[in-house]
Amino acid sequence: MTVTQIIQLYVFILAGFVGYLVITKVPPLLHTPLMAATNAISGISLVGSIVLAGGQYGTVATVLGFIAVVCAMTNVVGGFIITDRMLSMFKRADSKPTAPQDTTGGAS
């Protein structure tokens, strides 16, 4: 391994550790806004992984790019599903449209 690869591996491990610590400290009240921001970041990483997978950087880069596309897409879709499910918990139960009531008291 070269010095550059060792530094890149060190930064990757450090970023993973810091990311884990930050996410575990998020209070439940901030979970939905954080999820929306995470979906946006995952969309950006999806674009980057598509560029990596489609570029002519070699077989290893193409395979890793494809894996990154699958992971980022799974994260984006799952994030939107979870966010939609969480937001549906705040909808009122009586907000469904009902048929108008007959208040005349007789048949027409």
C-alpha atoms as a PDB file:
ATOM      1  CA  MET A   1       0.000   0.000   0.000  1.00  0.00           C
ATOM      2  CA  THR A   2       1.150   3.472  -0.774  1.00  0.00           C
ATOM      3  CA  VAL A   3       1.084   6.346   1.683  1.00  0.00           C
ATOM      4  CA  THR A   4      -1.878   7.902  -0.175  1.00  0.00           C
ATOM      5  CA  GLN A   5      -3.938   4.719   0.121  1.00  0.00           C
ATOM      6  CA  ILE A   6      -3.192   4.455   3.825  1.00  0.00           C
ATOM      7  CA  ILE A   7      -4.292   8.065   4.380  1.00  0.00           C
ATOM      8  CA  GLN A   8      -7.472   7.469   2.351  1.00  0.00           C
ATOM      9  CA  LEU A   9      -8.256   4.344   4.390  1.00  0.00           C
ATOM     10  CA  TYR A  10      -7.635   6.273   7.617  1.00  0.00           C
ATOM     11  CA  VAL A  11      -9.974   9.108   6.536  1.00  0.00           C
ATOM     12  CA  PHE A  12     -12.658   6.584   5.499  1.00  0.00           C
ATOM     13  CA  ILE A  13     -12.557   4.773   8.847  1.00  0.00           C
ATOM     14  CA  LEU A  14     -12.526   8.053  10.773  1.00  0.00           C
ATOM     15  CA  ALA A  15     -15.486   9.417   8.773  1.00  0.00           C
ATOM     16  CA  GLY A  16     -17.460   6.232   9.406  1.00  0.00           C
ATOM     17  CA  PHE A  17     -16.771   6.432  13.133  1.00  0.00           C
ATOM     18  CA  VAL A  18     -17.717  10.121  13.362  1.00  0.00           C
ATOM     19  CA  GLY A  19     -20.866   9.535  11.267  1.00  0.00           C
ATOM     20  CA  TYR A  20     -21.966   6.715  13.555  1.00  0.00           C
ATOM     21  CA  LEU A  21     -21.460   8.846  16.668  1.00  0.00           C
ATOM     22  CA  VAL A  22     -23.351  11.795  15.172  1.00  0.00           C
ATOM     23  CA  ILE A  23     -26.345   9.702  14.068  1.00  0.00           C
ATOM     24  CA  THR A  24     -26.693   7.890  17.396  1.00  0.00           C
ATOM     25  CA  LYS A  25     -26.871  11.203  19.273  1.00  0.00           C
ATOM     26  CA  VAL A  26     -29.848  12.593  17.306  1.00  0.00           C
ATOM     27  CA  PRO A  27     -32.953  13.146  19.461  1.00  0.00           C
ATOM     28  CA  PRO A  28     -36.225  11.650  18.158  1.00  0.00           C
ATOM     29  CA  LEU A  29     -37.722  15.118  17.620  1.00  0.00           C
ATOM     30  CA  LEU A  30     -35.157  15.878  14.912  1.00  0.00           C
ATOM     31  CA  HIS A  31     -35.417  12.523  13.176  1.00  0.00           C
ATOM     32  CA  THR A  32     -37.819  13.536  10.370  1.00  0.00           C
ATOM     33  CA  PRO A  33     -35.957  16.720   9.299  1.00  0.00           C
ATOM     34  CA  LEU A  34     -32.673  14.826   9.505  1.00  0.00           C
ATOM     35  CA  MET A  35     -34.151  12.060   7.353  1.00  0.00           C
ATOM     36  CA  ALA A  36     -35.145  14.586   4.693  1.00  0.00           C
ATOM     37  CA  ALA A  37     -31.625  16.026   4.660  1.00  0.00           C
ATOM     38  CA  THR A  38     -30.153  12.540   4.497  1.00  0.00           C
ATOM     39  CA  ASN A  39     -32.317  11.765   1.470  1.00  0.00           C
ATOM     40  CA  ALA A  40     -30.914  14.844  -0.273  1.00  0.00           C
ATOM     41  CA  ILE A  41     -27.340  13.827   0.541  1.00  0.00           C
ATOM     42  CA  SER A  42     -28.037  10.290  -0.685  1.00  0.00           C
ATOM     43  CA  GLY A  43     -29.326  11.759  -3.942  1.00  0.00           C
ATOM     44  CA  ILE A  44     -26.044  13.630  -4.370  1.00  0.00           C
ATOM     45  CA  SER A  45     -24.046  10.482  -3.663  1.00  0.00           C
ATOM     46  CA  LEU A  46     -26.252   8.636  -6.162  1.00  0.00           C
ATOM     47  CA  VAL A  47     -25.244  11.089  -8.887  1.00  0.00           C
ATOM     48  CA  GLY A  48     -21.581  10.673  -7.957  1.00  0.00           C
ATOM     49  CA  SER A  49     -21.815   6.892  -8.004  1.00  0.00           C
ATOM     50  CA  ILE A  50     -23.482   6.967 -11.437  1.00  0.00           C
ATOM     51  CA  VAL A  51     -20.579   9.083 -12.714  1.00  0.00           C
ATOM     52  CA  LEU A  52     -18.111   6.608 -11.212  1.00  0.00           C
ATOM     53  CA  ALA A  53     -19.906   3.563 -12.618  1.00  0.00           C
ATOM     54  CA  GLY A  54     -20.237   5.070 -16.091  1.00  0.00           C
ATOM     55  CA  GLY A  55     -16.701   6.441 -16.365  1.00  0.00           C
ATOM     56  CA  GLN A  56     -13.844   4.618 -18.013  1.00  0.00           C
ATOM     57  CA  TYR A  57     -11.798   4.200 -14.834  1.00  0.00           C
ATOM     58  CA  GLY A  58     -11.357   0.426 -15.020  1.00  0.00           C
ATOM     59  CA  THR A  59     -13.239  -2.686 -14.029  1.00  0.00           C
ATOM     60  CA  VAL A  60     -12.806  -2.263 -10.277  1.00  0.00           C
ATOM     61  CA  ALA A  61     -14.152   1.292 -10.383  1.00  0.00           C
ATOM     62  CA  THR A  62     -17.125   0.184 -12.476  1.00  0.00           C
ATOM     63  CA  VAL A  63     -17.991  -2.642 -10.074  1.00  0.00           C
ATOM     64  CA  LEU A  64     -17.598  -0.393  -7.030  1.00  0.00           C
ATOM     65  CA  GLY A  65     -19.641   2.300  -8.794  1.00  0.00           C
ATOM     66  CA  PHE A  66     -22.427  -0.189  -9.475  1.00  0.00           C
ATOM     67  CA  ILE A  67     -22.439  -1.288  -5.834  1.00  0.00           C
ATOM     68  CA  ALA A  68     -22.530   2.383  -4.801  1.00  0.00           C
ATOM     69  CA  VAL A  69     -25.481   3.023  -7.146  1.00  0.00           C
ATOM     70  CA  VAL A  70     -27.417   0.108  -5.635  1.00  0.00           C
ATOM     71  CA  CYS A  71     -26.661   1.194  -2.054  1.00  0.00           C
ATOM     72  CA  ALA A  72     -27.458   4.865  -2.658  1.00  0.00           C
ATOM     73  CA  MET A  73     -30.691   4.050  -4.510  1.00  0.00           C
ATOM     74  CA  THR A  74     -31.774   1.714  -1.717  1.00  0.00           C
ATOM     75  CA  ASN A  75     -31.063   4.472   0.795  1.00  0.00           C
ATOM     76  CA  VAL A  76     -33.008   7.093  -1.188  1.00  0.00           C
ATOM     77  CA  VAL A  77     -36.076   4.896  -1.764  1.00  0.00           C
ATOM     78  CA  GLY A  78     -36.086   3.554   1.795  1.00  0.00           C
ATOM     79  CA  GLY A  79     -35.676   7.051   3.201  1.00  0.00           C
ATOM     80  CA  PHE A  80     -38.640   8.370   1.251  1.00  0.00           C
ATOM     81  CA  ILE A  81     -40.787   5.401   2.297  1.00  0.00           C
ATOM     82  CA  ILE A  82     -39.900   5.884   5.962  1.00  0.00           C
ATOM     83  CA  THR A  83     -40.399   9.666   5.785  1.00  0.00           C
ATOM     84  CA  ASP A  84     -43.804   9.227   4.142  1.00  0.00           C
ATOM     85  CA  ARG A  85     -44.804   6.694   6.769  1.00  0.00           C
ATOM     86  CA  MET A  86     -43.704   8.982   9.600  1.00  0.00           C
ATOM     87  CA  LEU A  87     -45.534  11.988   8.142  1.00  0.00           C
ATOM     88  CA  SER A  88     -48.715   9.937   7.710  1.00  0.00           C
ATOM     89  CA  MET A  89     -48.756   9.437  11.473  1.00  0.00           C
ATOM     90  CA  PHE A  90     -49.464  13.171  11.873  1.00  0.00           C
ATOM     91  CA  LYS A  91     -52.530  13.237   9.598  1.00  0.00           C
ATOM     92  CA  ARG A  92     -55.914  13.626  11.220  1.00  0.00           C
ATOM     93  CA  ALA A  93     -58.212  10.647  11.195  1.00  0.00           C
ATOM     94  CA  ASP A  94     -61.280  12.852  10.518  1.00  0.00           C
ATOM     95  CA  SER A  95     -59.765  14.509   7.433  1.00  0.00           C
ATOM     96  CA  LYS A  96     -61.280  11.908   5.098  1.00  0.00           C
ATOM     97  CA  PRO A  97     -64.087  13.361   2.930  1.00  0.00           C
ATOM     98  CA  THR A  98     -67.523  12.058   3.866  1.00  0.00           C
ATOM     99  CA  ALA A  99     -70.760  12.015   1.938  1.00  0.00           C
ATOM    100  CA  PRO A 100     -73.043  14.989   2.615  1.00  0.00           C
ATOM    101  CA  GLN A 101     -75.688  14.324   5.247  1.00  0.00           C
ATOM    102  CA  ASP A 102     -79.385  14.598   4.371  1.00  0.00           C
ATOM    103  CA  THR A 103     -80.691  17.205   6.817  1.00  0.00           C
ATOM    104  CA  THR A 104     -84.189  17.601   5.307  1.00  0.00           C
ATOM    105  CA  GLY A 105     -85.508  14.637   7.212  1.00  0.00           C
ATOM    106  CA  GLY A 106     -87.497  13.128   4.346  1.00  0.00           C
ATOM    107  CA  ALA A 107     -87.140  11.325   1.101  1.00  0.00           C
ATOM    108  CA  SER A 108     -87.152  13.355  -2.084  1.00  0.00           C
END
